[in-house]
Protein backbone atom coordinates (compact mmCIF):
# COMPACT_ATOMS: atom_id res chain seq x y z
CA UNK A 1 234.19 144.60 197.69
CA UNK A 2 235.60 143.26 200.96
CA UNK A 3 235.22 139.73 199.59
CA UNK A 4 237.18 140.74 196.46
CA UNK A 5 239.97 142.25 198.56
CA UNK A 6 240.15 139.08 200.65
CA UNK A 7 240.35 136.93 197.51
CA UNK A 8 243.11 139.17 196.13
CA UNK A 9 245.07 138.89 199.39
CA UNK A 10 244.78 135.09 199.39
CA UNK A 11 245.98 134.93 195.77
CA UNK A 12 249.00 137.11 196.56
CA UNK A 13 249.76 134.69 199.42
CA UNK A 14 249.80 131.75 196.97
CA UNK A 15 246.57 130.19 198.26
CA UNK A 16 245.84 127.48 195.67
CA UNK A 17 242.14 127.31 196.56
CA UNK A 18 241.82 131.05 196.05
CA UNK A 19 243.58 130.80 192.67
CA UNK A 20 241.27 127.97 191.63
CA UNK A 21 238.21 129.96 192.65
CA UNK A 22 239.46 133.06 190.82
CA UNK A 23 240.02 131.07 187.60
CA UNK A 24 236.46 129.76 187.85
CA UNK A 25 235.21 133.35 188.20
CA UNK A 26 237.15 134.31 185.08
CA UNK A 27 235.91 131.29 183.10
CA UNK A 28 232.29 132.05 184.00
CA UNK A 29 232.62 135.66 182.94
CA UNK A 30 231.60 136.87 186.39
CA UNK A 31 231.20 140.65 186.67
CA UNK A 32 233.95 140.83 189.31
CA UNK A 33 236.57 139.08 187.14
CA UNK A 34 237.70 142.26 185.40
CA UNK A 35 237.97 144.11 188.73
CA UNK A 36 239.98 141.25 190.19
CA UNK A 37 242.39 141.14 187.24
CA UNK A 38 242.79 144.92 187.33
CA UNK A 39 243.63 144.85 191.03
CA UNK A 40 246.25 142.12 190.56
CA UNK A 41 247.94 143.47 187.44
CA UNK A 42 250.69 145.39 189.24
CA UNK A 43 251.84 142.07 190.75
CA UNK A 44 252.42 140.18 187.49
CA UNK A 45 255.41 139.94 185.16
CA UNK A 46 257.81 137.86 187.26
CA UNK A 47 256.90 134.36 186.06
CA UNK A 48 258.54 132.80 183.00
CA UNK A 49 256.01 131.34 180.57
CA UNK A 50 256.71 128.20 178.55
CA UNK A 51 254.49 126.80 175.81
CA UNK A 52 254.47 123.08 175.00
CA UNK A 53 252.81 122.26 171.70
CA UNK A 54 252.94 119.74 168.87
CA UNK A 55 250.84 117.02 167.24
CA UNK A 56 248.66 114.62 169.27
CA UNK A 57 250.50 111.66 170.75
CA UNK A 58 253.86 113.41 170.98
CA UNK A 59 253.96 113.01 174.76
CA UNK A 60 253.42 116.66 175.69
CA UNK A 61 251.79 115.88 179.05
CA UNK A 62 254.55 113.47 180.06
CA UNK A 63 257.15 116.04 179.01
CA UNK A 64 255.38 118.72 181.06
CA UNK A 65 255.27 116.35 184.01
CA UNK A 66 259.03 115.72 183.87
CA UNK A 67 259.87 119.40 183.41
CA UNK A 68 257.73 120.23 186.43
CA UNK A 69 259.55 117.64 188.57
CA UNK A 70 262.89 119.13 187.52
CA UNK A 71 261.83 122.70 188.34
CA UNK A 72 260.46 121.59 191.70
CA UNK A 73 263.82 120.01 192.54
CA UNK A 74 265.26 123.49 191.96
CA UNK A 75 262.77 124.90 194.46
CA UNK A 76 260.67 126.70 191.84
CA UNK A 77 256.87 126.81 191.97
CA UNK A 78 255.14 125.66 188.77
CA UNK A 79 251.70 126.49 187.42
CA UNK A 80 250.37 124.31 184.59
CA UNK A 81 247.50 125.28 182.32
CA UNK A 82 246.44 122.27 180.25
CA UNK A 83 244.41 123.59 177.34
CA UNK A 84 241.88 121.00 176.21
CA UNK A 85 239.14 120.79 173.56
CA UNK A 86 235.84 122.35 174.57
CA UNK A 87 232.97 120.00 175.38
CA UNK A 88 230.07 120.65 172.97
CA UNK A 89 227.67 119.97 175.85
CA UNK A 90 229.10 121.81 178.85
CA UNK A 91 231.58 124.25 177.32
CA UNK A 92 234.22 122.85 179.70
CA UNK A 93 237.45 120.97 179.07
CA UNK A 94 237.03 117.42 177.76
CA UNK A 95 240.27 115.94 179.07
CA UNK A 96 241.36 115.66 182.70
CA UNK A 97 244.72 117.04 183.79
CA UNK A 98 245.35 115.11 187.01
CA UNK A 99 245.11 111.76 185.23
CA UNK A 100 247.90 112.83 182.90
CA UNK A 101 250.11 114.48 185.53
CA UNK A 102 249.36 112.55 188.71
CA UNK A 103 253.04 112.44 189.73
CA UNK A 104 253.08 116.19 190.45
CA UNK A 105 249.42 117.05 191.05
CA UNK A 106 249.63 116.61 194.84
CA UNK A 107 252.76 118.75 195.22
CA UNK A 108 252.02 121.95 197.18
CA UNK A 109 254.34 123.86 194.84
CA UNK A 110 252.41 122.80 191.73
CA UNK A 111 249.05 124.08 190.49
CA UNK A 112 247.33 122.33 187.56
CA UNK A 113 244.21 123.47 185.79
CA UNK A 114 242.50 122.23 182.63
CA UNK A 115 240.91 124.97 180.56
CA UNK A 116 238.80 124.73 177.45
CA UNK A 117 239.79 126.33 174.14
CA UNK A 118 236.20 127.69 173.96
CA UNK A 119 236.29 127.88 170.19
CA UNK A 120 239.55 129.82 169.97
CA UNK A 121 241.12 128.96 166.62
CA UNK A 122 244.59 129.54 168.03
CA UNK A 123 244.13 126.94 170.75
CA UNK A 124 244.27 129.42 173.62
CA UNK A 125 241.28 131.42 174.80
CA UNK A 126 241.75 134.92 176.19
CA UNK A 127 240.72 133.56 179.59
CA UNK A 128 243.69 131.18 179.50
CA UNK A 129 246.08 134.12 179.47
CA UNK A 130 244.06 135.71 182.30
CA UNK A 131 244.55 132.51 184.29
CA UNK A 132 248.29 132.69 183.68
CA UNK A 133 248.26 136.24 185.04
CA UNK A 134 246.57 134.94 188.20
CA UNK A 135 249.27 132.30 188.62
CA UNK A 136 251.91 134.95 188.06
CA UNK A 137 250.38 137.14 190.77
CA UNK A 138 250.25 134.09 193.06
CA UNK A 139 254.08 133.89 192.91
CA UNK A 140 254.47 130.89 190.63
CA UNK A 141 257.94 131.05 189.07
CA UNK A 142 257.23 128.97 185.97
CA UNK A 143 253.95 128.81 184.04
CA UNK A 144 253.57 126.05 181.45
CA UNK A 145 250.88 126.09 178.77
CA UNK A 146 250.33 122.56 177.48
CA UNK A 147 248.09 122.77 174.45
CA UNK A 148 245.61 120.44 172.86
CA UNK A 149 247.84 119.53 169.91
CA UNK A 150 245.74 119.74 166.78
CA UNK A 151 248.20 121.19 164.30
CA UNK A 152 247.25 124.52 162.76
CA UNK A 153 245.14 125.65 165.70
CA UNK A 154 248.20 125.78 167.96
CA UNK A 155 249.77 129.02 166.79
CA UNK A 156 248.38 131.36 169.47
CA UNK A 157 250.71 129.77 171.99
CA UNK A 158 253.51 131.96 170.60
CA UNK A 159 251.57 135.00 171.78
CA UNK A 160 251.31 133.64 175.32
CA UNK A 161 254.70 132.04 175.99
CA UNK A 162 258.20 133.48 176.34
CA UNK A 163 259.70 130.20 175.08
CA UNK A 164 257.76 127.83 172.84
CA UNK A 165 258.61 124.12 172.64
CA UNK A 166 257.43 122.17 169.61
CA UNK A 167 257.27 118.48 170.50
CA UNK A 168 257.58 115.85 167.77
CA UNK A 169 258.12 112.08 167.62
CA UNK A 170 260.18 109.98 165.17
CA UNK A 171 257.19 108.60 163.24
CA UNK A 172 257.16 109.58 159.59
CA UNK A 173 255.25 112.68 158.64
CA UNK A 174 255.66 114.71 161.82
CA UNK A 175 258.39 116.92 160.38
CA UNK A 176 256.32 117.59 157.30
CA UNK A 177 253.26 118.27 159.46
CA UNK A 178 255.21 120.73 161.57
CA UNK A 179 256.40 122.58 158.48
CA UNK A 180 252.90 122.75 156.98
CA UNK A 181 251.27 123.80 160.23
CA UNK A 182 253.55 126.80 160.64
CA UNK A 183 255.08 125.35 163.79
CA UNK A 184 258.52 126.03 162.32
CA UNK A 185 257.88 129.74 162.73
CA UNK A 186 256.82 129.58 166.38
CA UNK A 187 259.23 126.96 167.72
CA UNK A 188 262.05 128.34 169.86
CA UNK A 189 263.15 124.82 170.76
CA UNK A 190 262.24 121.55 169.02
CA UNK A 191 261.91 118.44 171.13
CA UNK A 192 262.23 115.05 169.48
CA UNK A 193 260.48 113.02 172.14
CA UNK A 194 260.37 109.22 172.34
CA UNK A 195 263.91 109.23 170.94
CA UNK A 196 264.43 105.62 172.01
CA UNK A 197 262.26 104.60 169.07
CA UNK A 198 263.71 103.49 165.73
CA UNK A 199 264.28 106.31 163.27
CA UNK A 200 264.82 109.02 165.88
CA UNK A 201 268.25 110.09 164.58
CA UNK A 202 266.98 110.19 161.01
CA UNK A 203 263.99 112.29 162.11
CA UNK A 204 266.35 114.75 163.84
CA UNK A 205 268.44 115.06 160.67
CA UNK A 206 265.28 115.66 158.63
CA UNK A 207 264.19 118.33 161.08
CA UNK A 208 267.60 120.01 160.94
CA UNK A 209 267.33 120.15 157.16
CA UNK A 210 263.92 121.79 157.37
CA UNK A 211 265.15 124.31 159.93
CA UNK A 212 267.95 125.41 157.58
CA UNK A 213 265.22 126.61 155.19
CA UNK A 214 264.07 129.24 157.68
CA UNK A 215 265.01 132.80 156.80
CA UNK A 216 267.11 134.27 159.57
CA UNK A 217 269.72 136.88 160.38
CA UNK A 218 273.10 136.15 161.90
CA UNK A 219 271.89 137.63 165.20
CA UNK A 220 268.82 135.35 165.38
CA UNK A 221 268.42 132.55 167.91
CA UNK A 222 269.85 129.28 166.63
CA UNK A 223 266.90 126.91 167.12
CA UNK A 224 268.12 123.75 168.89
CA UNK A 225 266.71 120.24 168.65
CA UNK A 226 266.68 118.34 171.94
CA UNK A 227 266.16 114.58 172.06
CA UNK A 228 264.17 113.29 175.03
CA UNK A 229 262.51 110.16 176.35
CA UNK A 230 259.92 111.76 178.60
CA UNK A 231 258.77 108.48 180.12
CA UNK A 232 262.18 108.00 181.75
CA UNK A 233 263.21 111.64 182.09
CA UNK A 234 266.10 111.24 179.66
CA UNK A 235 267.11 114.57 178.09
CA UNK A 236 264.99 116.72 180.43
CA UNK A 237 267.99 118.40 182.09
CA UNK A 238 269.36 119.31 178.66
CA UNK A 239 265.95 120.66 177.63
CA UNK A 240 265.73 122.89 180.72
CA UNK A 241 269.26 124.11 179.95
CA UNK A 242 268.18 125.13 176.43
CA UNK A 243 265.15 126.95 177.84
CA UNK A 244 267.49 128.87 180.17
CA UNK A 245 269.79 129.66 177.23
CA UNK A 246 266.84 131.01 175.23
CA UNK A 247 265.75 133.14 178.17
CA UNK A 248 269.26 134.61 178.51
CA UNK A 249 269.47 135.17 174.74
CA UNK A 250 266.24 137.19 174.78
CA UNK A 251 267.54 139.34 177.60
CA UNK A 252 271.03 139.81 176.12
CA UNK A 253 269.55 140.92 172.78
CA UNK A 254 267.01 143.22 174.49
CA UNK A 255 264.24 141.09 172.98
CA UNK A 256 262.56 139.96 176.18
CA UNK A 257 260.68 143.20 176.89
CA UNK A 258 260.14 143.80 173.18
CA UNK A 259 258.46 140.41 172.72
CA UNK A 260 256.28 140.91 175.78
CA UNK A 261 255.30 144.37 174.52
CA UNK A 262 254.22 142.94 171.14
CA UNK A 263 252.26 140.16 172.86
CA UNK A 264 250.59 142.70 175.12
CA UNK A 265 249.62 144.80 172.09
CA UNK A 266 248.05 141.76 170.41
CA UNK A 267 246.21 140.85 173.60
CA UNK A 268 244.78 144.34 174.08
CA UNK A 269 243.51 144.30 170.49
CA UNK A 270 241.82 140.95 171.18
CA UNK A 271 240.19 142.33 174.35
CA UNK A 272 238.94 145.38 172.43
CA UNK A 273 237.47 143.07 169.77
CA UNK A 274 235.71 141.01 172.46
CA UNK A 275 234.32 144.12 174.18
CA UNK A 276 233.12 145.54 170.86
CA UNK A 277 231.45 142.23 169.99
CA UNK A 278 229.53 142.36 173.28
CA UNK A 279 228.48 145.95 172.50
CA UNK A 280 227.38 145.19 168.95
CA UNK A 281 225.39 142.01 169.51
CA UNK A 282 222.33 143.15 171.36
CA UNK A 283 218.81 141.82 170.68
CA UNK A 284 218.11 144.45 168.01
CA UNK A 285 221.13 143.55 165.89
CA UNK A 286 220.61 139.82 166.39
CA UNK A 287 217.09 140.34 165.00
CA UNK A 288 218.49 142.39 162.10
CA UNK A 289 220.89 139.55 161.28
CA UNK A 290 218.09 136.97 161.38
CA UNK A 291 215.96 139.12 159.05
CA UNK A 292 218.77 139.49 156.52
CA UNK A 293 219.85 135.84 156.41
CA UNK A 294 217.30 134.80 153.79
CA UNK A 295 218.60 137.48 151.43
CA UNK A 296 222.08 136.00 151.75
CA UNK A 297 220.76 132.48 151.17
CA UNK A 298 219.00 133.67 147.97
CA UNK A 299 222.11 135.46 146.76
CA UNK A 300 220.43 138.86 147.00
CA UNK A 301 222.98 140.24 149.47
CA UNK A 302 226.49 139.19 150.40
CA UNK A 303 227.61 138.55 153.99
CA UNK A 304 229.75 141.71 153.76
CA UNK A 305 226.70 143.82 152.85
CA UNK A 306 224.79 142.45 155.83
CA UNK A 307 227.76 142.92 158.14
CA UNK A 308 228.03 146.57 157.08
CA UNK A 309 224.29 147.05 157.71
CA UNK A 310 224.74 145.74 161.23
CA UNK A 311 227.77 147.97 161.78
CA UNK A 312 225.86 151.00 160.45
CA UNK A 313 223.04 150.25 162.87
CA UNK A 314 225.57 150.20 165.72
CA UNK A 315 227.18 153.47 164.57
CA UNK A 316 223.76 155.17 164.51
CA UNK A 317 223.40 154.33 168.18
CA UNK A 318 226.73 156.05 168.92
CA UNK A 319 225.67 159.30 167.21
CA UNK A 320 222.35 159.57 169.05
């Protein structure tokens, strides 16, 4: 327990090594991770959380890099969680973060960590949000989630970020892809990156047309489109300005706390589901599932019938 208290104290003092160690504890599912998160929870809620998503090749990492440099010039500390595909062999992140963001990785006011999606269909595992809480407790002012960018599996970012950026490029098809993937619904700001390429203005006009199709009330946020060239930093100041405007809009409309409350509700439901799954899947019910599989393969029982058998077995344990 003394070791846990010492780790907590180091995190609250913005010790990057302590934060890194704590994230590893959370990723490994160590028995002390829940106690650590519980002890730190009263210290979170100050950081502003930004999600950067969009299709592969849109320049999300470069954009994150430039945003981080801008925030650091303002004296703000930035934590970056780069969410990568899960390795099928190790369960860890496949892509390296420091290669993509080497301009800011050595800055004392910047913390970067790659985390695996770990099979989460929404692109963000529950442990990713836990890691953001750790960074929040460690006094980072801005937390950026930069997601893997595989289209429809990106939507969970809206449940983690206060402001969500959808990053696109002028190449044909991106606007259609964004509309199909549901990114139109989660985007608070659209970024047309690589706007020095041919067709950028036409792509922006196309995107504006698509955005007019969204159902909205007169009091809703007017979703802006910001043109950037992340490689050179062009448009980054304007982008940060739009993020600030969105933040102020949420507060002025009393939506900031409301959105966080809804996200917290969703998160608690997910944690309950995870805890229940751990309770249900003991050796006995794994064996029951294995015994019933052949019946499903032969068409004798449906997956729902088997699932209800397993649930009934679990309920019997509760009534004993």
